[in-house]
Amino acid sequence: MALYNSFEELKADKPELAQELLEVFDKGEWQESNLSVYDTLEDFAYYELTEGCYIDNNLVDQDYHSAPNPIDYIDLEALGEALVESGDESFIYRTEGDKVVTTDWGWS
């Protein structure tokens, strides 16, 4: 995951993605908010499991005493897709290239 403090930071690093966001959402206050970019659906799902909405399940860095880590058996791509589909589209955007971009502010 890459975190950008503003649209201008994102634009300097990923101009094509910045252009896509402008075409979809137009200019707005979202450009001044934090933008998180996940390169894959799997990256987005892993983040949500370990630092996001599932953090209370404590799945990361656990010592399972020789038992397998459950994250290794989760279809992260399917979970990432389900999270995007069920998530609030005013904060989550799936790009044409299957990157996931989230904003703290909302797109409008």
N, C-alpha and C. Protein backbone atom coordinates (compact mmCIF):
# COMPACT_ATOMS: atom_id res chain seq x y z
N MET A 1 0.85 -1.17 0.00
CA MET A 1 0.00 0.00 0.00
C MET A 1 0.89 1.23 0.00
N ALA A 2 0.52 2.18 -0.79
CA ALA A 2 1.22 3.46 -0.82
C ALA A 2 0.26 4.53 -0.31
N LEU A 3 0.74 5.34 0.61
CA LEU A 3 -0.09 6.41 1.18
C LEU A 3 0.40 7.75 0.65
N TYR A 4 -0.53 8.53 0.12
CA TYR A 4 -0.23 9.86 -0.39
C TYR A 4 -1.00 10.87 0.44
N ASN A 5 -0.34 11.94 0.84
CA ASN A 5 -0.97 12.96 1.68
C ASN A 5 -1.89 13.89 0.90
N SER A 6 -1.80 13.85 -0.42
CA SER A 6 -2.66 14.70 -1.26
C SER A 6 -2.64 14.18 -2.69
N PHE A 7 -3.54 14.69 -3.47
CA PHE A 7 -3.61 14.35 -4.89
C PHE A 7 -2.31 14.74 -5.60
N GLU A 8 -1.74 15.87 -5.23
CA GLU A 8 -0.51 16.33 -5.89
C GLU A 8 0.63 15.33 -5.67
N GLU A 9 0.72 14.75 -4.49
CA GLU A 9 1.73 13.72 -4.23
C GLU A 9 1.48 12.50 -5.12
N LEU A 10 0.23 12.08 -5.20
CA LEU A 10 -0.12 10.95 -6.06
C LEU A 10 0.20 11.26 -7.51
N LYS A 11 -0.16 12.45 -7.96
CA LYS A 11 0.06 12.85 -9.35
C LYS A 11 1.55 12.82 -9.71
N ALA A 12 2.40 13.23 -8.78
CA ALA A 12 3.84 13.22 -9.03
C ALA A 12 4.38 11.79 -9.17
N ASP A 13 3.78 10.85 -8.45
CA ASP A 13 4.26 9.47 -8.45
C ASP A 13 3.55 8.59 -9.48
N LYS A 14 2.26 8.80 -9.66
CA LYS A 14 1.46 7.95 -10.55
C LYS A 14 0.53 8.84 -11.40
N PRO A 15 1.08 9.54 -12.39
CA PRO A 15 0.28 10.49 -13.16
C PRO A 15 -0.91 9.86 -13.90
N GLU A 16 -0.75 8.64 -14.39
CA GLU A 16 -1.86 8.01 -15.12
C GLU A 16 -3.03 7.70 -14.17
N LEU A 17 -2.72 7.23 -12.99
CA LEU A 17 -3.75 6.97 -12.00
C LEU A 17 -4.42 8.28 -11.57
N ALA A 18 -3.63 9.31 -11.38
CA ALA A 18 -4.18 10.62 -11.01
C ALA A 18 -5.15 11.12 -12.08
N GLN A 19 -4.79 10.95 -13.34
CA GLN A 19 -5.66 11.37 -14.44
C GLN A 19 -6.96 10.58 -14.44
N GLU A 20 -6.87 9.27 -14.20
CA GLU A 20 -8.08 8.44 -14.15
C GLU A 20 -9.01 8.92 -13.03
N LEU A 21 -8.45 9.23 -11.87
CA LEU A 21 -9.28 9.71 -10.75
C LEU A 21 -9.97 11.02 -11.10
N LEU A 22 -9.24 11.92 -11.76
CA LEU A 22 -9.85 13.19 -12.18
C LEU A 22 -10.98 12.98 -13.17
N GLU A 23 -10.78 12.05 -14.10
CA GLU A 23 -11.82 11.79 -15.09
C GLU A 23 -13.07 11.20 -14.45
N VAL A 24 -12.89 10.38 -13.43
CA VAL A 24 -14.02 9.73 -12.79
C VAL A 24 -14.70 10.63 -11.77
N PHE A 25 -13.91 11.34 -10.97
CA PHE A 25 -14.46 12.08 -9.83
C PHE A 25 -14.42 13.59 -9.96
N ASP A 26 -13.77 14.11 -10.98
CA ASP A 26 -13.64 15.55 -11.16
C ASP A 26 -12.85 16.14 -9.98
N LYS A 27 -12.62 17.42 -10.02
CA LYS A 27 -11.89 18.09 -8.94
C LYS A 27 -12.77 18.19 -7.70
N GLY A 28 -12.13 18.21 -6.53
CA GLY A 28 -12.91 18.33 -5.31
C GLY A 28 -12.03 18.31 -4.08
N GLU A 29 -12.67 18.37 -2.93
CA GLU A 29 -11.94 18.40 -1.67
C GLU A 29 -11.18 17.10 -1.41
N TRP A 30 -11.58 16.01 -2.08
CA TRP A 30 -10.87 14.75 -1.93
C TRP A 30 -9.40 14.89 -2.31
N GLN A 31 -9.09 15.86 -3.15
CA GLN A 31 -7.72 16.04 -3.61
C GLN A 31 -6.78 16.48 -2.48
N GLU A 32 -7.33 16.98 -1.39
CA GLU A 32 -6.52 17.42 -0.25
C GLU A 32 -6.44 16.35 0.84
N SER A 33 -7.13 15.24 0.66
CA SER A 33 -7.16 14.20 1.69
C SER A 33 -6.10 13.13 1.42
N ASN A 34 -5.91 12.27 2.40
CA ASN A 34 -5.02 11.12 2.22
C ASN A 34 -5.62 10.17 1.20
N LEU A 35 -4.77 9.66 0.33
CA LEU A 35 -5.18 8.67 -0.66
C LEU A 35 -4.31 7.44 -0.47
N SER A 36 -4.93 6.29 -0.30
CA SER A 36 -4.21 5.03 -0.18
C SER A 36 -4.39 4.26 -1.47
N VAL A 37 -3.28 3.75 -2.01
CA VAL A 37 -3.32 3.01 -3.26
C VAL A 37 -2.81 1.60 -3.00
N TYR A 38 -3.64 0.63 -3.33
CA TYR A 38 -3.29 -0.79 -3.21
C TYR A 38 -3.12 -1.31 -4.62
N ASP A 39 -1.97 -1.91 -4.91
CA ASP A 39 -1.67 -2.34 -6.27
C ASP A 39 -2.55 -3.49 -6.75
N THR A 40 -3.07 -4.28 -5.81
CA THR A 40 -3.91 -5.42 -6.18
C THR A 40 -5.08 -5.54 -5.21
N LEU A 41 -6.08 -6.30 -5.62
CA LEU A 41 -7.18 -6.62 -4.72
C LEU A 41 -6.67 -7.39 -3.50
N GLU A 42 -5.66 -8.25 -3.74
CA GLU A 42 -5.07 -9.02 -2.65
C GLU A 42 -4.43 -8.11 -1.60
N ASP A 43 -3.73 -7.09 -2.07
CA ASP A 43 -3.10 -6.13 -1.15
C ASP A 43 -4.16 -5.42 -0.31
N PHE A 44 -5.27 -5.05 -0.94
CA PHE A 44 -6.35 -4.38 -0.23
C PHE A 44 -6.95 -5.31 0.83
N ALA A 45 -7.20 -6.56 0.45
CA ALA A 45 -7.77 -7.52 1.40
C ALA A 45 -6.82 -7.77 2.56
N TYR A 46 -5.53 -7.93 2.27
CA TYR A 46 -4.55 -8.18 3.33
C TYR A 46 -4.51 -7.01 4.30
N TYR A 47 -4.53 -5.79 3.77
CA TYR A 47 -4.55 -4.61 4.63
C TYR A 47 -5.78 -4.63 5.53
N GLU A 48 -6.94 -4.89 4.96
CA GLU A 48 -8.17 -4.90 5.76
C GLU A 48 -8.13 -5.99 6.83
N LEU A 49 -7.53 -7.14 6.52
CA LEU A 49 -7.42 -8.22 7.51
C LEU A 49 -6.48 -7.86 8.65
N THR A 50 -5.40 -7.16 8.33
CA THR A 50 -4.35 -6.95 9.33
C THR A 50 -4.35 -5.58 9.98
N GLU A 51 -4.89 -4.57 9.28
CA GLU A 51 -4.87 -3.21 9.83
C GLU A 51 -6.19 -2.47 9.68
N GLY A 52 -7.13 -3.06 8.96
CA GLY A 52 -8.38 -2.38 8.67
C GLY A 52 -9.55 -2.93 9.46
N CYS A 53 -10.63 -3.22 8.75
CA CYS A 53 -11.90 -3.56 9.41
C CYS A 53 -11.87 -4.87 10.19
N TYR A 54 -10.91 -5.74 9.92
CA TYR A 54 -10.82 -7.01 10.65
C TYR A 54 -9.71 -7.01 11.70
N ILE A 55 -9.14 -5.86 12.02
CA ILE A 55 -7.98 -5.79 12.91
C ILE A 55 -8.25 -6.43 14.28
N ASP A 56 -9.47 -6.36 14.76
CA ASP A 56 -9.79 -6.91 16.08
C ASP A 56 -9.65 -8.43 16.13
N ASN A 57 -9.56 -9.08 14.97
CA ASN A 57 -9.38 -10.54 14.94
C ASN A 57 -7.93 -10.95 15.18
N ASN A 58 -7.02 -9.99 15.20
CA ASN A 58 -5.61 -10.24 15.51
C ASN A 58 -5.00 -11.36 14.66
N LEU A 59 -5.16 -11.28 13.36
CA LEU A 59 -4.65 -12.32 12.47
C LEU A 59 -3.18 -12.16 12.12
N VAL A 60 -2.63 -11.00 12.31
CA VAL A 60 -1.26 -10.75 11.87
C VAL A 60 -0.28 -11.06 13.00
N ASP A 61 0.87 -11.59 12.61
CA ASP A 61 1.98 -11.84 13.53
C ASP A 61 1.56 -12.64 14.76
N GLN A 62 0.68 -13.57 14.57
CA GLN A 62 0.26 -14.43 15.67
C GLN A 62 1.14 -15.67 15.72
N ASP A 63 1.38 -16.15 16.91
CA ASP A 63 2.05 -17.43 17.09
C ASP A 63 0.95 -18.46 17.29
N TYR A 64 0.72 -19.26 16.28
CA TYR A 64 -0.35 -20.24 16.34
C TYR A 64 0.14 -21.59 16.85
N HIS A 65 1.33 -21.62 17.46
CA HIS A 65 1.89 -22.84 18.06
C HIS A 65 1.87 -24.00 17.08
N SER A 66 2.51 -23.81 15.96
CA SER A 66 2.66 -24.80 14.89
C SER A 66 1.41 -24.98 14.04
N ALA A 67 0.32 -24.36 14.40
CA ALA A 67 -0.88 -24.41 13.55
C ALA A 67 -0.70 -23.42 12.40
N PRO A 68 -1.32 -23.68 11.27
CA PRO A 68 -1.16 -22.77 10.13
C PRO A 68 -1.82 -21.42 10.37
N ASN A 69 -1.23 -20.40 9.76
CA ASN A 69 -1.80 -19.06 9.82
C ASN A 69 -3.02 -19.03 8.90
N PRO A 70 -4.18 -18.66 9.42
CA PRO A 70 -5.39 -18.68 8.58
C PRO A 70 -5.31 -17.76 7.37
N ILE A 71 -4.52 -16.70 7.43
CA ILE A 71 -4.41 -15.80 6.28
C ILE A 71 -3.87 -16.54 5.06
N ASP A 72 -3.02 -17.55 5.31
CA ASP A 72 -2.46 -18.32 4.20
C ASP A 72 -3.51 -19.11 3.44
N TYR A 73 -4.69 -19.26 3.99
CA TYR A 73 -5.73 -20.08 3.38
C TYR A 73 -6.94 -19.27 2.92
N ILE A 74 -6.81 -17.98 2.96
CA ILE A 74 -7.88 -17.10 2.52
C ILE A 74 -7.62 -16.70 1.07
N ASP A 75 -8.63 -16.77 0.25
CA ASP A 75 -8.53 -16.30 -1.14
C ASP A 75 -8.59 -14.77 -1.09
N LEU A 76 -7.41 -14.15 -1.03
CA LEU A 76 -7.35 -12.70 -0.85
C LEU A 76 -7.93 -11.94 -2.04
N GLU A 77 -7.79 -12.48 -3.23
CA GLU A 77 -8.37 -11.80 -4.39
C GLU A 77 -9.90 -11.77 -4.28
N ALA A 78 -10.50 -12.90 -3.93
CA ALA A 78 -11.95 -12.95 -3.78
C ALA A 78 -12.42 -12.05 -2.64
N LEU A 79 -11.69 -12.06 -1.53
CA LEU A 79 -12.05 -11.19 -0.41
C LEU A 79 -11.91 -9.73 -0.81
N GLY A 80 -10.82 -9.38 -1.50
CA GLY A 80 -10.63 -8.00 -1.95
C GLY A 80 -11.76 -7.54 -2.84
N GLU A 81 -12.17 -8.41 -3.76
CA GLU A 81 -13.28 -8.07 -4.66
C GLU A 81 -14.57 -7.88 -3.86
N ALA A 82 -14.83 -8.76 -2.91
CA ALA A 82 -16.04 -8.65 -2.10
C ALA A 82 -16.02 -7.39 -1.24
N LEU A 83 -14.85 -7.04 -0.71
CA LEU A 83 -14.74 -5.83 0.09
C LEU A 83 -15.03 -4.58 -0.74
N VAL A 84 -14.51 -4.55 -1.96
CA VAL A 84 -14.76 -3.41 -2.85
C VAL A 84 -16.24 -3.35 -3.21
N GLU A 85 -16.82 -4.50 -3.56
CA GLU A 85 -18.23 -4.54 -3.97
C GLU A 85 -19.17 -4.17 -2.82
N SER A 86 -18.83 -4.57 -1.61
CA SER A 86 -19.72 -4.31 -0.48
C SER A 86 -19.38 -3.01 0.25
N GLY A 87 -18.23 -2.42 -0.09
CA GLY A 87 -17.78 -1.22 0.59
C GLY A 87 -18.51 0.03 0.13
N ASP A 88 -18.23 1.10 0.79
CA ASP A 88 -18.84 2.40 0.49
C ASP A 88 -18.12 3.01 -0.70
N GLU A 89 -18.79 3.04 -1.84
CA GLU A 89 -18.15 3.53 -3.07
C GLU A 89 -17.82 5.02 -3.02
N SER A 90 -18.30 5.71 -2.01
CA SER A 90 -17.91 7.12 -1.88
C SER A 90 -16.52 7.25 -1.25
N PHE A 91 -15.93 6.12 -0.81
CA PHE A 91 -14.58 6.14 -0.24
C PHE A 91 -13.63 5.17 -0.93
N ILE A 92 -14.15 4.21 -1.69
CA ILE A 92 -13.35 3.17 -2.32
C ILE A 92 -13.55 3.22 -3.82
N TYR A 93 -12.45 3.12 -4.57
CA TYR A 93 -12.54 3.10 -6.03
C TYR A 93 -11.64 1.99 -6.55
N ARG A 94 -12.19 1.16 -7.42
CA ARG A 94 -11.43 0.12 -8.11
C ARG A 94 -11.11 0.61 -9.51
N THR A 95 -9.83 0.70 -9.83
CA THR A 95 -9.42 1.23 -11.12
C THR A 95 -9.66 0.20 -12.22
N GLU A 96 -9.52 0.66 -13.45
CA GLU A 96 -9.64 -0.25 -14.59
C GLU A 96 -8.58 -1.34 -14.54
N GLY A 97 -7.44 -1.06 -13.92
CA GLY A 97 -6.36 -2.04 -13.81
C GLY A 97 -6.40 -2.82 -12.51
N ASP A 98 -7.51 -2.79 -11.81
CA ASP A 98 -7.73 -3.52 -10.55
C ASP A 98 -6.87 -3.05 -9.38
N LYS A 99 -6.41 -1.81 -9.44
CA LYS A 99 -5.85 -1.20 -8.23
C LYS A 99 -7.04 -0.74 -7.39
N VAL A 100 -6.82 -0.56 -6.11
CA VAL A 100 -7.87 -0.03 -5.24
C VAL A 100 -7.34 1.26 -4.63
N VAL A 101 -8.14 2.31 -4.71
CA VAL A 101 -7.77 3.61 -4.14
C VAL A 101 -8.84 3.98 -3.12
N THR A 102 -8.39 4.38 -1.94
CA THR A 102 -9.34 4.83 -0.92
C THR A 102 -8.98 6.26 -0.51
N THR A 103 -9.99 6.97 -0.06
CA THR A 103 -9.81 8.34 0.39
C THR A 103 -10.42 8.50 1.78
N ASP A 104 -9.80 9.31 2.61
CA ASP A 104 -10.34 9.59 3.93
C ASP A 104 -11.56 10.51 3.84
N TRP A 105 -11.61 11.34 2.82
CA TRP A 105 -12.61 12.40 2.71
C TRP A 105 -13.90 11.92 2.05
N GLY A 106 -13.76 11.09 1.06
CA GLY A 106 -14.87 10.75 0.18
C GLY A 106 -14.65 11.44 -1.16
N TRP A 107 -15.18 10.87 -2.21
CA TRP A 107 -14.89 11.37 -3.55
C TRP A 107 -15.68 12.62 -3.91
N SER A 108 -16.77 12.88 -3.25
CA SER A 108 -17.57 14.06 -3.65
C SER A 108 -17.37 15.21 -2.70
